[in-house]
């Protein structure tokens, strides 16, 4: 979660799924951005923006491993 501020608006934002890993592969990141592009574009007050920035950022993002059920699908 993160506290985001845009202008006078302050909002506590919960993002991501605690039971899932992130940064699976370049293909998975590309698919995430394709699915959530409109929400990412909404800016700092959207959960998709923070998930993109922190969880799906590639090598600089979260290093959390995917659950066993996802490892076969994404090859990690």
N, C-alpha and C. Protein backbone atom coordinates (compact mmCIF):
# COMPACT_ATOMS: atom_id res chain seq x y z
N UNK A 1 0.84 -1.17 0.00
CA UNK A 1 0.00 0.00 0.00
C UNK A 1 0.89 1.23 0.00
N UNK A 2 0.32 2.33 -0.41
CA UNK A 2 1.05 3.58 -0.50
C UNK A 2 0.07 4.73 -0.23
N UNK A 3 0.58 5.81 0.35
CA UNK A 3 -0.22 7.02 0.51
C UNK A 3 0.18 7.95 -0.63
N UNK A 4 -0.77 8.28 -1.47
CA UNK A 4 -0.49 9.12 -2.64
C UNK A 4 -1.18 10.46 -2.49
N UNK A 5 -0.52 11.49 -3.00
CA UNK A 5 -1.09 12.83 -2.95
C UNK A 5 -0.99 13.45 -4.32
N UNK A 6 -2.11 14.00 -4.78
CA UNK A 6 -2.15 14.71 -6.04
C UNK A 6 -2.96 15.97 -5.80
N UNK A 7 -2.29 17.10 -5.80
CA UNK A 7 -2.96 18.36 -5.44
C UNK A 7 -3.36 18.31 -3.98
N UNK A 8 -4.63 18.57 -3.68
CA UNK A 8 -5.13 18.52 -2.31
C UNK A 8 -5.69 17.15 -1.94
N UNK A 9 -5.71 16.23 -2.87
CA UNK A 9 -6.29 14.92 -2.63
C UNK A 9 -5.22 13.97 -2.10
N UNK A 10 -5.49 13.37 -0.94
CA UNK A 10 -4.61 12.37 -0.35
C UNK A 10 -5.40 11.07 -0.25
N UNK A 11 -4.78 9.96 -0.69
CA UNK A 11 -5.52 8.71 -0.75
C UNK A 11 -4.59 7.55 -0.37
N UNK A 12 -5.10 6.63 0.43
CA UNK A 12 -4.39 5.39 0.75
C UNK A 12 -4.76 4.38 -0.32
N UNK A 13 -3.75 3.86 -1.02
CA UNK A 13 -4.00 2.96 -2.14
C UNK A 13 -3.39 1.59 -1.85
N UNK A 14 -4.23 0.57 -1.95
CA UNK A 14 -3.78 -0.82 -1.83
C UNK A 14 -3.65 -1.35 -3.25
N UNK A 15 -2.55 -2.02 -3.54
CA UNK A 15 -2.36 -2.55 -4.89
C UNK A 15 -1.63 -3.89 -4.82
N UNK A 16 -1.75 -4.66 -5.89
CA UNK A 16 -1.10 -5.96 -5.96
C UNK A 16 -1.89 -7.03 -5.23
N UNK A 17 -1.47 -8.25 -5.40
CA UNK A 17 -2.09 -9.40 -4.76
C UNK A 17 -1.03 -10.06 -3.91
N UNK A 18 -1.23 -10.12 -2.62
CA UNK A 18 -0.20 -10.64 -1.72
C UNK A 18 0.10 -12.11 -1.97
N UNK A 19 -0.77 -12.83 -2.66
CA UNK A 19 -0.52 -14.24 -2.92
C UNK A 19 0.15 -14.47 -4.27
N UNK A 20 0.42 -13.41 -5.00
CA UNK A 20 1.02 -13.55 -6.33
C UNK A 20 2.41 -12.93 -6.36
N UNK A 21 3.24 -13.44 -7.23
CA UNK A 21 4.55 -12.85 -7.47
C UNK A 21 4.44 -11.85 -8.61
N UNK A 22 5.52 -11.19 -8.93
CA UNK A 22 5.50 -10.18 -9.99
C UNK A 22 6.81 -10.26 -10.76
N UNK A 23 6.95 -9.47 -11.80
CA UNK A 23 8.14 -9.46 -12.63
C UNK A 23 8.42 -10.81 -13.25
N UNK A 24 7.40 -11.52 -13.65
CA UNK A 24 7.62 -12.86 -14.19
C UNK A 24 8.55 -12.86 -15.38
N UNK A 25 8.21 -12.14 -16.39
CA UNK A 25 8.99 -12.14 -17.62
C UNK A 25 8.64 -10.88 -18.40
N UNK A 26 9.41 -10.62 -19.43
CA UNK A 26 9.14 -9.46 -20.27
C UNK A 26 7.74 -9.57 -20.89
N UNK A 27 7.37 -10.77 -21.30
CA UNK A 27 6.04 -10.98 -21.90
C UNK A 27 4.92 -10.70 -20.90
N UNK A 28 5.10 -11.16 -19.66
CA UNK A 28 4.07 -10.93 -18.63
C UNK A 28 3.95 -9.44 -18.32
N UNK A 29 5.08 -8.73 -18.26
CA UNK A 29 5.03 -7.28 -18.01
C UNK A 29 4.32 -6.56 -19.16
N UNK A 30 4.62 -6.98 -20.38
CA UNK A 30 3.98 -6.37 -21.55
C UNK A 30 2.46 -6.59 -21.50
N UNK A 31 2.04 -7.80 -21.15
CA UNK A 31 0.61 -8.10 -21.06
C UNK A 31 -0.06 -7.30 -19.95
N UNK A 32 0.60 -7.15 -18.81
CA UNK A 32 0.04 -6.34 -17.72
C UNK A 32 -0.19 -4.91 -18.19
N UNK A 33 0.82 -4.34 -18.83
CA UNK A 33 0.70 -2.95 -19.30
C UNK A 33 -0.40 -2.81 -20.35
N UNK A 34 -0.57 -3.83 -21.19
CA UNK A 34 -1.63 -3.78 -22.20
C UNK A 34 -3.02 -3.84 -21.54
N UNK A 35 -3.16 -4.69 -20.53
CA UNK A 35 -4.46 -4.83 -19.85
C UNK A 35 -4.83 -3.60 -19.03
N UNK A 36 -3.84 -2.98 -18.42
CA UNK A 36 -4.11 -1.91 -17.45
C UNK A 36 -3.65 -0.53 -17.91
N UNK A 37 -3.34 -0.37 -19.17
CA UNK A 37 -2.82 0.89 -19.68
C UNK A 37 -3.67 2.11 -19.36
N UNK A 38 -4.98 1.99 -19.53
CA UNK A 38 -5.87 3.13 -19.26
C UNK A 38 -5.85 3.51 -17.78
N UNK A 39 -5.81 2.51 -16.91
CA UNK A 39 -5.78 2.80 -15.47
C UNK A 39 -4.42 3.34 -15.04
N UNK A 40 -3.34 2.86 -15.62
CA UNK A 40 -2.00 3.37 -15.32
C UNK A 40 -1.94 4.85 -15.67
N UNK A 41 -2.55 5.21 -16.79
CA UNK A 41 -2.53 6.60 -17.26
C UNK A 41 -3.30 7.55 -16.34
N UNK A 42 -4.15 7.02 -15.46
CA UNK A 42 -4.91 7.88 -14.55
C UNK A 42 -4.01 8.58 -13.54
N UNK A 43 -2.81 8.07 -13.33
CA UNK A 43 -1.85 8.74 -12.47
C UNK A 43 -1.74 8.15 -11.08
N UNK A 44 -1.13 8.94 -10.21
CA UNK A 44 -0.76 8.49 -8.87
C UNK A 44 -1.89 7.99 -8.00
N UNK A 45 -3.11 8.36 -8.29
CA UNK A 45 -4.22 7.97 -7.45
C UNK A 45 -4.88 6.66 -7.90
N UNK A 46 -4.23 5.93 -8.81
CA UNK A 46 -4.77 4.64 -9.22
C UNK A 46 -3.85 3.51 -8.76
N UNK A 47 -4.45 2.40 -8.40
CA UNK A 47 -3.68 1.23 -7.97
C UNK A 47 -2.82 0.70 -9.11
N UNK A 48 -3.32 0.75 -10.33
CA UNK A 48 -2.57 0.25 -11.48
C UNK A 48 -1.27 1.03 -11.68
N UNK A 49 -1.28 2.33 -11.42
CA UNK A 49 -0.07 3.15 -11.54
C UNK A 49 1.02 2.62 -10.61
N UNK A 50 0.66 2.35 -9.36
CA UNK A 50 1.64 1.88 -8.38
C UNK A 50 2.07 0.45 -8.64
N UNK A 51 1.16 -0.40 -9.09
CA UNK A 51 1.53 -1.77 -9.44
C UNK A 51 2.53 -1.76 -10.59
N UNK A 52 2.27 -0.91 -11.58
CA UNK A 52 3.18 -0.79 -12.72
C UNK A 52 4.55 -0.27 -12.27
N UNK A 53 4.54 0.70 -11.43
CA UNK A 53 5.79 1.34 -10.98
C UNK A 53 6.60 0.45 -10.05
N UNK A 54 5.96 -0.25 -9.14
CA UNK A 54 6.67 -1.02 -8.12
C UNK A 54 6.75 -2.52 -8.39
N UNK A 55 5.67 -3.11 -8.87
CA UNK A 55 5.62 -4.56 -8.99
C UNK A 55 6.00 -5.08 -10.38
N UNK A 56 5.67 -4.32 -11.40
CA UNK A 56 5.91 -4.78 -12.76
C UNK A 56 6.98 -3.95 -13.47
N UNK A 57 7.88 -3.36 -12.72
CA UNK A 57 8.87 -2.45 -13.27
C UNK A 57 10.06 -3.14 -13.94
N UNK A 58 10.09 -4.46 -13.94
CA UNK A 58 11.22 -5.16 -14.54
C UNK A 58 12.32 -5.37 -13.52
N UNK A 59 13.57 -5.39 -13.95
CA UNK A 59 14.69 -5.67 -13.04
C UNK A 59 14.76 -4.75 -11.82
N UNK A 60 14.27 -3.53 -11.95
CA UNK A 60 14.36 -2.59 -10.82
C UNK A 60 13.16 -2.71 -9.87
N UNK A 61 12.16 -3.51 -10.23
CA UNK A 61 10.97 -3.65 -9.40
C UNK A 61 11.10 -4.71 -8.32
N UNK A 62 9.98 -5.14 -7.81
CA UNK A 62 9.92 -6.14 -6.75
C UNK A 62 10.58 -7.44 -7.20
N UNK A 63 11.23 -8.13 -6.27
CA UNK A 63 11.87 -9.40 -6.58
C UNK A 63 11.05 -10.59 -6.07
N UNK A 64 9.81 -10.33 -5.68
CA UNK A 64 8.96 -11.38 -5.14
C UNK A 64 8.73 -12.46 -6.19
N UNK A 65 8.92 -13.71 -5.82
CA UNK A 65 8.75 -14.84 -6.73
C UNK A 65 7.27 -15.19 -6.90
N UNK A 66 6.89 -15.69 -8.08
CA UNK A 66 5.50 -16.11 -8.28
C UNK A 66 5.22 -17.39 -7.51
N UNK A 67 3.96 -17.65 -7.20
CA UNK A 67 3.61 -18.91 -6.53
C UNK A 67 3.87 -20.09 -7.46
N UNK A 68 3.96 -21.29 -6.89
CA UNK A 68 4.27 -22.49 -7.68
C UNK A 68 3.33 -22.66 -8.86
N UNK A 69 2.06 -22.33 -8.69
CA UNK A 69 1.08 -22.51 -9.77
C UNK A 69 1.39 -21.62 -10.97
N UNK A 70 2.07 -20.51 -10.76
CA UNK A 70 2.40 -19.59 -11.85
C UNK A 70 3.79 -19.85 -12.43
N UNK A 71 4.65 -20.54 -11.70
CA UNK A 71 6.01 -20.76 -12.18
C UNK A 71 6.03 -21.52 -13.50
N UNK A 72 5.16 -22.50 -13.64
CA UNK A 72 5.12 -23.27 -14.88
C UNK A 72 4.65 -22.41 -16.05
N UNK A 73 3.69 -21.55 -15.77
CA UNK A 73 3.12 -20.71 -16.83
C UNK A 73 4.13 -19.68 -17.33
N UNK A 74 4.89 -19.07 -16.41
CA UNK A 74 5.79 -17.99 -16.79
C UNK A 74 7.27 -18.38 -16.76
N UNK A 75 7.57 -19.63 -16.46
CA UNK A 75 8.93 -20.12 -16.60
C UNK A 75 9.95 -19.66 -15.59
N UNK A 76 9.54 -19.21 -14.42
CA UNK A 76 10.51 -18.77 -13.42
C UNK A 76 10.57 -19.72 -12.28
